[in-house]
Amino acid sequence: MMDTDILDMLEDIGRLSVARLNPTVTLAAETTEIRREKILRTIRGTILPRRLEFTAANGDCLAMEVNSSRVTDVFRVRSGMIPDFETTPREELATRLAELVSDIAAAPAPLELLSLQPDTALEVDDVGVTFSEIAKACGTIELPPETVVSLVPDTPAPQETDIPASAAEATAGTIASAFFDGAERFALGRAEVALDGAAISRLEGVCDVGQPMHADQDLLRQFAQDLVGWDGDAATALDHPQLIVMRPSGGKGDALAVLHDGSQFALAIHEARKLGAVVNLWKSVTGSEK
């Protein structure tokens, strides 16, 4: 590594360093390609022996030991077998490491990095695979296409229908209730509220009366009014049901998921790492595979 490279790295560290409250760092990136680039950049910038753990939003993890911009061992992978550094040919090992890096980059965002001290002392013969070898192998791996979310305007409903209005409203109203019931598997607290006057139907867990996250009637009424206003603003672009997810900026702690079906809403407070369970429940109650 040239002196100018080291100076550039130190300048980047001084410019980008920020104080943080936990040891994890979120690798913010909108695309799989940028996430992979940031993983490679992290490997390149790791000079002292470290155990790096890259964890996706759904809990998938790639854990590796890195020293002097070289990967010397792998402890955990998202899929497939852990490579054997002692018996695998070097070129094949570089290709496998590139596959692992690309695989975790394609996992659900955001991607979090945890840097720890190695479990054992580095052996003299642990030369590892260099950053350059892995980056070169990554260039031959095609990343999966990004998921694109499109907003489709509502299609006008036909003038005549065989379904009575009361039956249609009852069908829509059951979606939030089903979400409330299904969230019992992973939620710390749940609430089900009607938009008309924000009448509270059910409260469970930490959202119940007397519990630390109990929301009073005024707060829920205000939230219901906000949803009604949102419906008015987005009526031409979004239909019901809608899933609203709010997660802490660092990716750790408690998160909030709200299913709004047009007549009522159900909210669930859950651990941020259980976003996958929220999405699976959404697909289940709405019959959506997207």
C-alpha atoms as a PDB file:
ATOM      1  CA  MET A   1       0.000   0.000   0.000  1.00  0.00           C
ATOM      2  CA  MET A   2       1.415   3.388  -1.020  1.00  0.00           C
ATOM      3  CA  ASP A   3       1.869   6.291   1.390  1.00  0.00           C
ATOM      4  CA  THR A   4      -0.686   8.327  -0.550  1.00  0.00           C
ATOM      5  CA  ASP A   5      -3.264   5.533  -0.134  1.00  0.00           C
ATOM      6  CA  ILE A   6      -2.716   5.541   3.629  1.00  0.00           C
ATOM      7  CA  LEU A   7      -3.094   9.311   3.786  1.00  0.00           C
ATOM      8  CA  ASP A   8      -6.310   9.121   1.744  1.00  0.00           C
ATOM      9  CA  MET A   9      -7.692   6.484   4.105  1.00  0.00           C
ATOM     10  CA  LEU A  10      -6.820   8.560   7.168  1.00  0.00           C
ATOM     11  CA  GLU A  11      -8.467  11.596   5.591  1.00  0.00           C
ATOM     12  CA  ASP A  12     -11.638   9.570   4.925  1.00  0.00           C
ATOM     13  CA  ILE A  13     -11.660   8.307   8.512  1.00  0.00           C
ATOM     14  CA  GLY A  14     -11.340  11.823   9.908  1.00  0.00           C
ATOM     15  CA  ARG A  15     -14.039  13.184   7.616  1.00  0.00           C
ATOM     16  CA  LEU A  16     -16.573  10.387   8.034  1.00  0.00           C
ATOM     17  CA  SER A  17     -16.098   9.387  11.686  1.00  0.00           C
ATOM     18  CA  VAL A  18     -19.109  10.020  13.928  1.00  0.00           C
ATOM     19  CA  ALA A  19     -19.841   9.216  17.557  1.00  0.00           C
ATOM     20  CA  ARG A  20     -22.108   6.189  18.051  1.00  0.00           C
ATOM     21  CA  LEU A  21     -23.876   4.577  20.987  1.00  0.00           C
ATOM     22  CA  ASN A  22     -23.406   0.910  20.032  1.00  0.00           C
ATOM     23  CA  PRO A  23     -20.637  -1.113  18.362  1.00  0.00           C
ATOM     24  CA  THR A  24     -22.599  -1.773  15.163  1.00  0.00           C
ATOM     25  CA  VAL A  25     -22.354   0.386  12.052  1.00  0.00           C
ATOM     26  CA  THR A  26     -25.067   0.532   9.397  1.00  0.00           C
ATOM     27  CA  LEU A  27     -23.735   0.265   5.848  1.00  0.00           C
ATOM     28  CA  ALA A  28     -26.375   2.457   4.248  1.00  0.00           C
ATOM     29  CA  ALA A  29     -26.776   1.664   0.555  1.00  0.00           C
ATOM     30  CA  GLU A  30     -29.751   1.605  -1.790  1.00  0.00           C
ATOM     31  CA  THR A  31     -28.477  -1.088  -4.163  1.00  0.00           C
ATOM     32  CA  THR A  32     -26.858  -4.508  -3.896  1.00  0.00           C
ATOM     33  CA  GLU A  33     -23.872  -3.327  -5.916  1.00  0.00           C
ATOM     34  CA  ILE A  34     -23.169  -0.437  -3.536  1.00  0.00           C
ATOM     35  CA  ARG A  35     -23.510  -2.748  -0.517  1.00  0.00           C
ATOM     36  CA  ARG A  36     -20.991  -5.149  -2.020  1.00  0.00           C
ATOM     37  CA  GLU A  37     -18.627  -2.268  -2.713  1.00  0.00           C
ATOM     38  CA  LYS A  38     -18.888  -1.141   0.919  1.00  0.00           C
ATOM     39  CA  ILE A  39     -18.136  -4.664   2.171  1.00  0.00           C
ATOM     40  CA  LEU A  40     -15.044  -4.812  -0.023  1.00  0.00           C
ATOM     41  CA  ARG A  41     -14.020  -1.345   1.154  1.00  0.00           C
ATOM     42  CA  THR A  42     -14.358  -2.510   4.768  1.00  0.00           C
ATOM     43  CA  ILE A  43     -12.104  -5.492   4.094  1.00  0.00           C
ATOM     44  CA  ARG A  44      -9.565  -3.248   2.387  1.00  0.00           C
ATOM     45  CA  GLY A  45      -9.570  -0.800   5.296  1.00  0.00           C
ATOM     46  CA  THR A  46      -9.093  -3.448   8.011  1.00  0.00           C
ATOM     47  CA  ILE A  47      -5.401  -3.433   8.876  1.00  0.00           C
ATOM     48  CA  LEU A  48      -5.316  -4.944  12.380  1.00  0.00           C
ATOM     49  CA  PRO A  49      -6.705  -8.444  13.039  1.00  0.00           C
ATOM     50  CA  ARG A  50     -10.499  -8.192  13.412  1.00  0.00           C
ATOM     51  CA  ARG A  51     -13.550 -10.434  13.270  1.00  0.00           C
ATOM     52  CA  LEU A  52     -16.049  -8.708  10.957  1.00  0.00           C
ATOM     53  CA  GLU A  53     -19.730  -9.664  11.076  1.00  0.00           C
ATOM     54  CA  PHE A  54     -22.036  -8.399   8.314  1.00  0.00           C
ATOM     55  CA  THR A  55     -25.687  -8.938   9.326  1.00  0.00           C
ATOM     56  CA  ALA A  56     -28.713  -8.350   7.070  1.00  0.00           C
ATOM     57  CA  ALA A  57     -32.158  -7.168   8.164  1.00  0.00           C
ATOM     58  CA  ASN A  58     -33.481 -10.744   8.216  1.00  0.00           C
ATOM     59  CA  GLY A  59     -30.662 -11.990  10.477  1.00  0.00           C
ATOM     60  CA  ASP A  60     -28.486 -13.601   7.780  1.00  0.00           C
ATOM     61  CA  CYS A  61     -24.811 -13.125   8.628  1.00  0.00           C
ATOM     62  CA  LEU A  62     -21.365 -13.366   7.091  1.00  0.00           C
ATOM     63  CA  ALA A  63     -18.636 -13.550   9.758  1.00  0.00           C
ATOM     64  CA  MET A  64     -14.966 -13.512   8.747  1.00  0.00           C
ATOM     65  CA  GLU A  65     -11.525 -12.819  10.157  1.00  0.00           C
ATOM     66  CA  VAL A  66      -9.620 -10.051   8.366  1.00  0.00           C
ATOM     67  CA  ASN A  67      -6.048  -8.839   8.800  1.00  0.00           C
ATOM     68  CA  SER A  68      -3.948  -6.495   6.642  1.00  0.00           C
ATOM     69  CA  SER A  69      -6.745  -6.290   4.030  1.00  0.00           C
ATOM     70  CA  ARG A  70      -6.760 -10.090   3.772  1.00  0.00           C
ATOM     71  CA  VAL A  71      -9.501 -12.559   4.707  1.00  0.00           C
ATOM     72  CA  THR A  72      -7.847 -15.268   6.795  1.00  0.00           C
ATOM     73  CA  ASP A  73     -10.879 -17.278   7.944  1.00  0.00           C
ATOM     74  CA  VAL A  74     -14.676 -17.531   7.698  1.00  0.00           C
ATOM     75  CA  PHE A  75     -16.890 -18.530  10.628  1.00  0.00           C
ATOM     76  CA  ARG A  76     -20.461 -18.094   9.415  1.00  0.00           C
ATOM     77  CA  VAL A  77     -22.113 -17.822   5.995  1.00  0.00           C
ATOM     78  CA  ARG A  78     -25.565 -16.994   4.715  1.00  0.00           C
ATOM     79  CA  SER A  79     -25.840 -20.152   2.628  1.00  0.00           C
ATOM     80  CA  GLY A  80     -23.702 -23.063   1.476  1.00  0.00           C
ATOM     81  CA  MET A  81     -20.548 -24.468   3.028  1.00  0.00           C
ATOM     82  CA  ILE A  82     -17.896 -22.571   4.947  1.00  0.00           C
ATOM     83  CA  PRO A  83     -14.694 -22.569   2.855  1.00  0.00           C
ATOM     84  CA  ASP A  84     -11.686 -24.552   4.073  1.00  0.00           C
ATOM     85  CA  PHE A  85      -8.643 -22.274   3.934  1.00  0.00           C
ATOM     86  CA  GLU A  86      -6.192 -25.146   4.428  1.00  0.00           C
ATOM     87  CA  THR A  87      -7.268 -27.442   1.584  1.00  0.00           C
ATOM     88  CA  THR A  88      -8.989 -25.191  -0.978  1.00  0.00           C
ATOM     89  CA  PRO A  89      -6.817 -23.897  -3.866  1.00  0.00           C
ATOM     90  CA  ARG A  90      -6.199 -20.160  -3.624  1.00  0.00           C
ATOM     91  CA  GLU A  91      -8.019 -19.172  -6.835  1.00  0.00           C
ATOM     92  CA  GLU A  92     -11.035 -21.288  -5.906  1.00  0.00           C
ATOM     93  CA  LEU A  93     -10.976 -19.794  -2.403  1.00  0.00           C
ATOM     94  CA  ALA A  94     -11.012 -16.245  -3.787  1.00  0.00           C
ATOM     95  CA  THR A  95     -14.011 -17.127  -5.955  1.00  0.00           C
ATOM     96  CA  ARG A  96     -15.860 -18.606  -2.987  1.00  0.00           C
ATOM     97  CA  LEU A  97     -15.169 -15.536  -0.855  1.00  0.00           C
ATOM     98  CA  ALA A  98     -16.440 -13.315  -3.669  1.00  0.00           C
ATOM     99  CA  GLU A  99     -19.633 -15.419  -3.781  1.00  0.00           C
ATOM    100  CA  LEU A 100     -20.104 -15.012  -0.016  1.00  0.00           C
ATOM    101  CA  VAL A 101     -19.584 -11.244  -0.207  1.00  0.00           C
ATOM    102  CA  SER A 102     -22.034 -10.963  -3.114  1.00  0.00           C
ATOM    103  CA  ASP A 103     -24.551 -13.193  -1.323  1.00  0.00           C
ATOM    104  CA  ILE A 104     -24.685 -11.115   1.865  1.00  0.00           C
ATOM    105  CA  ALA A 105     -24.811  -7.918  -0.204  1.00  0.00           C
ATOM    106  CA  ALA A 106     -27.959  -9.262  -1.884  1.00  0.00           C
ATOM    107  CA  ALA A 107     -29.626  -9.961   1.481  1.00  0.00           C
ATOM    108  CA  PRO A 108     -32.382  -7.630   2.764  1.00  0.00           C
ATOM    109  CA  ALA A 109     -31.120  -4.157   3.687  1.00  0.00           C
ATOM    110  CA  PRO A 110     -29.973  -2.482   5.826  1.00  0.00           C
ATOM    111  CA  LEU A 111     -26.667  -4.243   6.332  1.00  0.00           C
ATOM    112  CA  GLU A 112     -24.982  -3.874   9.721  1.00  0.00           C
ATOM    113  CA  LEU A 113     -21.291  -4.280  10.509  1.00  0.00           C
ATOM    114  CA  LEU A 114     -19.904  -5.418  13.852  1.00  0.00           C
ATOM    115  CA  SER A 115     -16.114  -5.373  14.318  1.00  0.00           C
ATOM    116  CA  LEU A 116     -14.737  -7.545  17.132  1.00  0.00           C
ATOM    117  CA  GLN A 117     -11.411  -8.821  18.360  1.00  0.00           C
ATOM    118  CA  PRO A 118     -10.485 -12.232  16.891  1.00  0.00           C
ATOM    119  CA  ASP A 119     -11.274 -15.271  19.013  1.00  0.00           C
ATOM    120  CA  THR A 120      -7.715 -16.584  18.652  1.00  0.00           C
ATOM    121  CA  ALA A 121      -4.303 -15.133  17.913  1.00  0.00           C
ATOM    122  CA  LEU A 122      -3.314 -14.949  14.258  1.00  0.00           C
ATOM    123  CA  GLU A 123      -1.007 -17.759  13.126  1.00  0.00           C
ATOM    124  CA  VAL A 124       2.176 -16.898  11.260  1.00  0.00           C
ATOM    125  CA  ASP A 125       1.105 -18.842   8.163  1.00  0.00           C
ATOM    126  CA  ASP A 126      -2.376 -17.248   7.991  1.00  0.00           C
ATOM    127  CA  VAL A 127      -1.614 -15.231   4.871  1.00  0.00           C
ATOM    128  CA  GLY A 128      -5.255 -15.254   3.754  1.00  0.00           C
ATOM    129  CA  VAL A 129      -6.753 -14.044   0.487  1.00  0.00           C
ATOM    130  CA  THR A 130      -6.114 -10.430  -0.446  1.00  0.00           C
ATOM    131  CA  PHE A 131      -8.745  -7.772  -1.007  1.00  0.00           C
ATOM    132  CA  SER A 132      -7.599  -7.428  -4.623  1.00  0.00           C
ATOM    133  CA  GLU A 133      -8.135 -11.130  -5.332  1.00  0.00           C
ATOM    134  CA  ILE A 134     -11.649 -11.048  -3.874  1.00  0.00           C
ATOM    135  CA  ALA A 135     -12.565  -7.818  -5.670  1.00  0.00           C
ATOM    136  CA  LYS A 136     -11.347  -9.261  -8.977  1.00  0.00           C
ATOM    137  CA  ALA A 137     -13.459 -12.390  -8.461  1.00  0.00           C
ATOM    138  CA  CYS A 138     -16.481 -10.226  -7.584  1.00  0.00           C
ATOM    139  CA  GLY A 139     -16.194  -8.636 -11.008  1.00  0.00           C
ATOM    140  CA  THR A 140     -17.177 -11.962 -12.598  1.00  0.00           C
ATOM    141  CA  ILE A 141     -20.279 -12.455 -10.427  1.00  0.00           C
ATOM    142  CA  GLU A 142     -23.542 -10.967 -11.664  1.00  0.00           C
ATOM    143  CA  LEU A 143     -25.673  -9.576  -8.871  1.00  0.00           C
ATOM    144  CA  PRO A 144     -29.442 -10.255  -8.769  1.00  0.00           C
ATOM    145  CA  PRO A 145     -31.691  -7.444 -10.031  1.00  0.00           C
ATOM    146  CA  GLU A 146     -33.013  -4.946  -7.527  1.00  0.00           C
ATOM    147  CA  THR A 147     -36.631  -5.189  -6.424  1.00  0.00           C
ATOM    148  CA  VAL A 148     -38.620  -2.300  -7.903  1.00  0.00           C
ATOM    149  CA  VAL A 149     -41.718  -1.010  -6.132  1.00  0.00           C
ATOM    150  CA  SER A 150     -44.244   0.776  -8.341  1.00  0.00           C
ATOM    151  CA  LEU A 151     -47.215   2.879  -7.302  1.00  0.00           C
ATOM    152  CA  VAL A 152     -50.236   1.984  -9.425  1.00  0.00           C
ATOM    153  CA  PRO A 153     -53.256   4.342  -9.450  1.00  0.00           C
ATOM    154  CA  ASP A 154     -56.547   2.924  -8.258  1.00  0.00           C
ATOM    155  CA  THR A 155     -58.730   1.371 -10.942  1.00  0.00           C
ATOM    156  CA  PRO A 156     -62.271   2.813 -10.852  1.00  0.00           C
ATOM    157  CA  ALA A 157     -64.702   0.280  -9.415  1.00  0.00           C
ATOM    158  CA  PRO A 158     -67.599  -0.891 -11.622  1.00  0.00           C
ATOM    159  CA  GLN A 159     -70.961   0.712 -11.022  1.00  0.00           C
ATOM    160  CA  GLU A 160     -72.658  -2.602 -10.295  1.00  0.00           C
ATOM    161  CA  THR A 161     -71.381  -5.262  -7.933  1.00  0.00           C
ATOM    162  CA  ASP A 162     -72.674  -8.522  -6.557  1.00  0.00           C
ATOM    163  CA  ILE A 163     -71.062  -7.854  -3.170  1.00  0.00           C
ATOM    164  CA  PRO A 164     -73.079  -5.685  -0.755  1.00  0.00           C
ATOM    165  CA  ALA A 165     -71.227  -2.669   0.639  1.00  0.00           C
ATOM    166  CA  SER A 166     -71.573  -3.956   4.203  1.00  0.00           C
ATOM    167  CA  ALA A 167     -69.972  -7.271   3.246  1.00  0.00           C
ATOM    168  CA  ALA A 168     -67.088  -5.517   1.488  1.00  0.00           C
ATOM    169  CA  GLU A 169     -66.447  -3.363   4.560  1.00  0.00           C
ATOM    170  CA  ALA A 170     -66.509  -6.422   6.803  1.00  0.00           C
ATOM    171  CA  THR A 171     -64.001  -8.214   4.545  1.00  0.00           C
ATOM    172  CA  ALA A 172     -61.631  -5.225   4.586  1.00  0.00           C
ATOM    173  CA  GLY A 173     -61.991  -4.870   8.328  1.00  0.00           C
ATOM    174  CA  THR A 174     -60.822  -8.386   9.002  1.00  0.00           C
ATOM    175  CA  ILE A 175     -57.349  -7.760   7.562  1.00  0.00           C
ATOM    176  CA  ALA A 176     -56.185  -5.557  10.442  1.00  0.00           C
ATOM    177  CA  SER A 177     -57.702  -8.020  12.915  1.00  0.00           C
ATOM    178  CA  ALA A 178     -55.871 -10.901  11.260  1.00  0.00           C
ATOM    179  CA  PHE A 179     -52.620  -8.933  11.427  1.00  0.00           C
ATOM    180  CA  PHE A 180     -53.229  -8.246  15.132  1.00  0.00           C
ATOM    181  CA  ASP A 181     -53.816 -11.951  15.824  1.00  0.00           C
ATOM    182  CA  GLY A 182     -50.854 -13.152  13.760  1.00  0.00           C
ATOM    183  CA  ALA A 183     -48.428 -10.663  15.343  1.00  0.00           C
ATOM    184  CA  GLU A 184     -48.775 -12.474  18.671  1.00  0.00           C
ATOM    185  CA  ARG A 185     -45.934 -14.792  17.570  1.00  0.00           C
ATOM    186  CA  PHE A 186     -43.288 -12.044  17.507  1.00  0.00           C
ATOM    187  CA  ALA A 187     -44.715  -8.788  18.907  1.00  0.00           C
ATOM    188  CA  LEU A 188     -43.835  -7.291  22.259  1.00  0.00           C
ATOM    189  CA  GLY A 189     -47.078  -5.336  22.236  1.00  0.00           C
ATOM    190  CA  ARG A 190     -50.146  -4.965  20.001  1.00  0.00           C
ATOM    191  CA  ALA A 191     -53.111  -2.650  19.515  1.00  0.00           C
ATOM    192  CA  GLU A 192     -56.171  -2.674  17.268  1.00  0.00           C
ATOM    193  CA  VAL A 193     -57.955   0.640  16.734  1.00  0.00           C
ATOM    194  CA  ALA A 194     -60.908   1.795  14.597  1.00  0.00           C
ATOM    195  CA  LEU A 195     -60.430   4.923  12.506  1.00  0.00           C
ATOM    196  CA  ASP A 196     -63.920   6.187  13.340  1.00  0.00           C
ATOM    197  CA  GLY A 197     -63.295   7.970  16.623  1.00  0.00           C
ATOM    198  CA  ALA A 198     -60.212   5.838  17.314  1.00  0.00           C
ATOM    199  CA  ALA A 199     -62.157   3.418  19.495  1.00  0.00           C
ATOM    200  CA  ILE A 200     -59.678   0.912  20.923  1.00  0.00           C
ATOM    201  CA  SER A 201     -60.716  -2.674  20.166  1.00  0.00           C
ATOM    202  CA  ARG A 202     -57.850  -4.635  21.729  1.00  0.00           C
ATOM    203  CA  LEU A 203     -54.615  -3.978  23.604  1.00  0.00           C
ATOM    204  CA  GLU A 204     -51.992  -6.627  24.413  1.00  0.00           C
ATOM    205  CA  GLY A 205     -48.469  -6.887  25.835  1.00  0.00           C
ATOM    206  CA  VAL A 206     -46.488  -3.707  26.450  1.00  0.00           C
ATOM    207  CA  CYS A 207     -49.298  -1.689  24.801  1.00  0.00           C
ATOM    208  CA  ASP A 208     -51.847  -2.705  27.444  1.00  0.00           C
ATOM    209  CA  VAL A 209     -53.073  -0.358  30.161  1.00  0.00           C
ATOM    210  CA  GLY A 210     -50.411   0.207  32.814  1.00  0.00           C
ATOM    211  CA  GLN A 211     -47.599  -1.131  30.597  1.00  0.00           C
ATOM    212  CA  PRO A 212     -44.545   0.975  29.544  1.00  0.00           C
ATOM    213  CA  MET A 213     -45.671   1.513  25.926  1.00  0.00           C
ATOM    214  CA  HIS A 214     -49.364   2.077  26.533  1.00  0.00           C
ATOM    215  CA  ALA A 215     -50.729   4.798  24.233  1.00  0.00           C
ATOM    216  CA  ASP A 216     -53.602   6.873  25.597  1.00  0.00           C
ATOM    217  CA  GLN A 217     -56.823   7.586  23.747  1.00  0.00           C
ATOM    218  CA  ASP A 218     -55.757  11.067  22.610  1.00  0.00           C
ATOM    219  CA  LEU A 219     -52.541   9.809  21.008  1.00  0.00           C
ATOM    220  CA  LEU A 220     -54.317   7.011  19.168  1.00  0.00           C
ATOM    221  CA  ARG A 221     -57.052   9.399  18.020  1.00  0.00           C
ATOM    222  CA  GLN A 222     -54.399  11.767  16.628  1.00  0.00           C
ATOM    223  CA  PHE A 223     -52.685   8.884  14.832  1.00  0.00           C
ATOM    224  CA  ALA A 224     -56.035   7.792  13.374  1.00  0.00           C
ATOM    225  CA  GLN A 225     -56.635  11.336  12.118  1.00  0.00           C
ATOM    226  CA  ASP A 226     -53.189  11.351  10.530  1.00  0.00           C
ATOM    227  CA  LEU A 227     -54.015   8.113   8.697  1.00  0.00           C
ATOM    228  CA  VAL A 228     -57.281   9.582   7.450  1.00  0.00           C
ATOM    229  CA  GLY A 229     -55.363  12.631   6.177  1.00  0.00           C
ATOM    230  CA  TRP A 230     -52.815  10.336   4.554  1.00  0.00           C
ATOM    231  CA  ASP A 231     -55.652   8.474   2.786  1.00  0.00           C
ATOM    232  CA  GLY A 232     -56.914  11.753   1.389  1.00  0.00           C
ATOM    233  CA  ASP A 233     -53.494  12.774   0.101  1.00  0.00           C
ATOM    234  CA  ALA A 234     -52.603   9.373  -1.384  1.00  0.00           C
ATOM    235  CA  ALA A 235     -56.028   8.240  -2.625  1.00  0.00           C
ATOM    236  CA  THR A 236     -54.977   8.392  -6.293  1.00  0.00           C
ATOM    237  CA  ALA A 237     -51.750   6.462  -5.764  1.00  0.00           C
ATOM    238  CA  LEU A 238     -52.268   3.898  -2.981  1.00  0.00           C
ATOM    239  CA  ASP A 239     -55.027   1.459  -2.155  1.00  0.00           C
ATOM    240  CA  HIS A 240     -55.726  -0.507   1.006  1.00  0.00           C
ATOM    241  CA  PRO A 241     -54.428  -2.398   2.851  1.00  0.00           C
ATOM    242  CA  GLN A 242     -51.166  -0.579   3.591  1.00  0.00           C
ATOM    243  CA  LEU A 243     -48.185  -1.646   5.694  1.00  0.00           C
ATOM    244  CA  ILE A 244     -46.221   1.075   7.513  1.00  0.00           C
ATOM    245  CA  VAL A 245     -42.882   0.125   9.089  1.00  0.00           C
ATOM    246  CA  MET A 246     -40.808   2.368  11.362  1.00  0.00           C
ATOM    247  CA  ARG A 247     -37.376   1.180  12.506  1.00  0.00           C
ATOM    248  CA  PRO A 248     -34.670   2.823  14.662  1.00  0.00           C
ATOM    249  CA  SER A 249     -31.907   4.504  12.680  1.00  0.00           C
ATOM    250  CA  GLY A 250     -29.218   2.221  14.064  1.00  0.00           C
ATOM    251  CA  GLY A 251     -31.196  -0.922  13.264  1.00  0.00           C
ATOM    252  CA  LYS A 252     -31.227  -2.007  16.926  1.00  0.00           C
ATOM    253  CA  GLY A 253     -33.995  -1.795  19.501  1.00  0.00           C
ATOM    254  CA  ASP A 254     -37.752  -1.836  19.036  1.00  0.00           C
ATOM    255  CA  ALA A 255     -39.607  -1.140  15.785  1.00  0.00           C
ATOM    256  CA  LEU A 256     -43.233  -0.417  14.916  1.00  0.00           C
ATOM    257  CA  ALA A 257     -45.343  -2.059  12.201  1.00  0.00           C
ATOM    258  CA  VAL A 258     -48.816  -0.762  11.346  1.00  0.00           C
ATOM    259  CA  LEU A 259     -51.335  -2.427   9.038  1.00  0.00           C
ATOM    260  CA  HIS A 260     -53.970   0.061   7.848  1.00  0.00           C
ATOM    261  CA  ASP A 261     -56.932  -1.473   5.995  1.00  0.00           C
ATOM    262  CA  GLY A 262     -59.043   1.638   5.527  1.00  0.00           C
ATOM    263  CA  SER A 263     -61.465   1.150   8.401  1.00  0.00           C
ATOM    264  CA  GLN A 264     -59.112   0.336  11.253  1.00  0.00           C
ATOM    265  CA  PHE A 265     -55.459  -0.252  11.953  1.00  0.00           C
ATOM    266  CA  ALA A 266     -53.441  -2.775  13.923  1.00  0.00           C
ATOM    267  CA  LEU A 267     -50.005  -1.949  15.254  1.00  0.00           C
ATOM    268  CA  ALA A 268     -47.295  -4.234  16.576  1.00  0.00           C
ATOM    269  CA  ILE A 269     -44.183  -3.274  18.531  1.00  0.00           C
ATOM    270  CA  HIS A 270     -41.403  -5.768  17.824  1.00  0.00           C
ATOM    271  CA  GLU A 271     -37.643  -6.199  17.850  1.00  0.00           C
ATOM    272  CA  ALA A 272     -36.151  -4.494  14.795  1.00  0.00           C
ATOM    273  CA  ARG A 273     -34.391  -7.691  13.707  1.00  0.00           C
ATOM    274  CA  LYS A 274     -37.762  -9.419  13.253  1.00  0.00           C
ATOM    275  CA  LEU A 275     -38.719  -7.398  10.181  1.00  0.00           C
ATOM    276  CA  GLY A 276     -38.821 -10.620   8.172  1.00  0.00           C
ATOM    277  CA  ALA A 277     -41.592 -11.962  10.416  1.00  0.00           C
ATOM    278  CA  VAL A 278     -43.595  -8.764   9.815  1.00  0.00           C
ATOM    279  CA  VAL A 279     -43.262  -9.091   6.039  1.00  0.00           C
ATOM    280  CA  ASN A 280     -44.235 -12.770   6.142  1.00  0.00           C
ATOM    281  CA  LEU A 281     -47.335 -11.944   8.196  1.00  0.00           C
ATOM    282  CA  TRP A 282     -48.236  -9.153   5.743  1.00  0.00           C
ATOM    283  CA  LYS A 283     -48.047 -11.617   2.853  1.00  0.00           C
ATOM    284  CA  SER A 284     -50.141 -14.123   4.773  1.00  0.00           C
ATOM    285  CA  VAL A 285     -53.038 -11.819   5.698  1.00  0.00           C
ATOM    286  CA  THR A 286     -53.164 -10.041   2.311  1.00  0.00           C
ATOM    287  CA  GLY A 287     -52.461 -13.043   0.090  1.00  0.00           C
ATOM    288  CA  SER A 288     -49.642 -11.114  -1.562  1.00  0.00           C
ATOM    289  CA  GLU A 289     -46.424 -12.726  -2.788  1.00  0.00           C
ATOM    290  CA  LYS A 290     -44.705  -9.421  -3.572  1.00  0.00           C
END
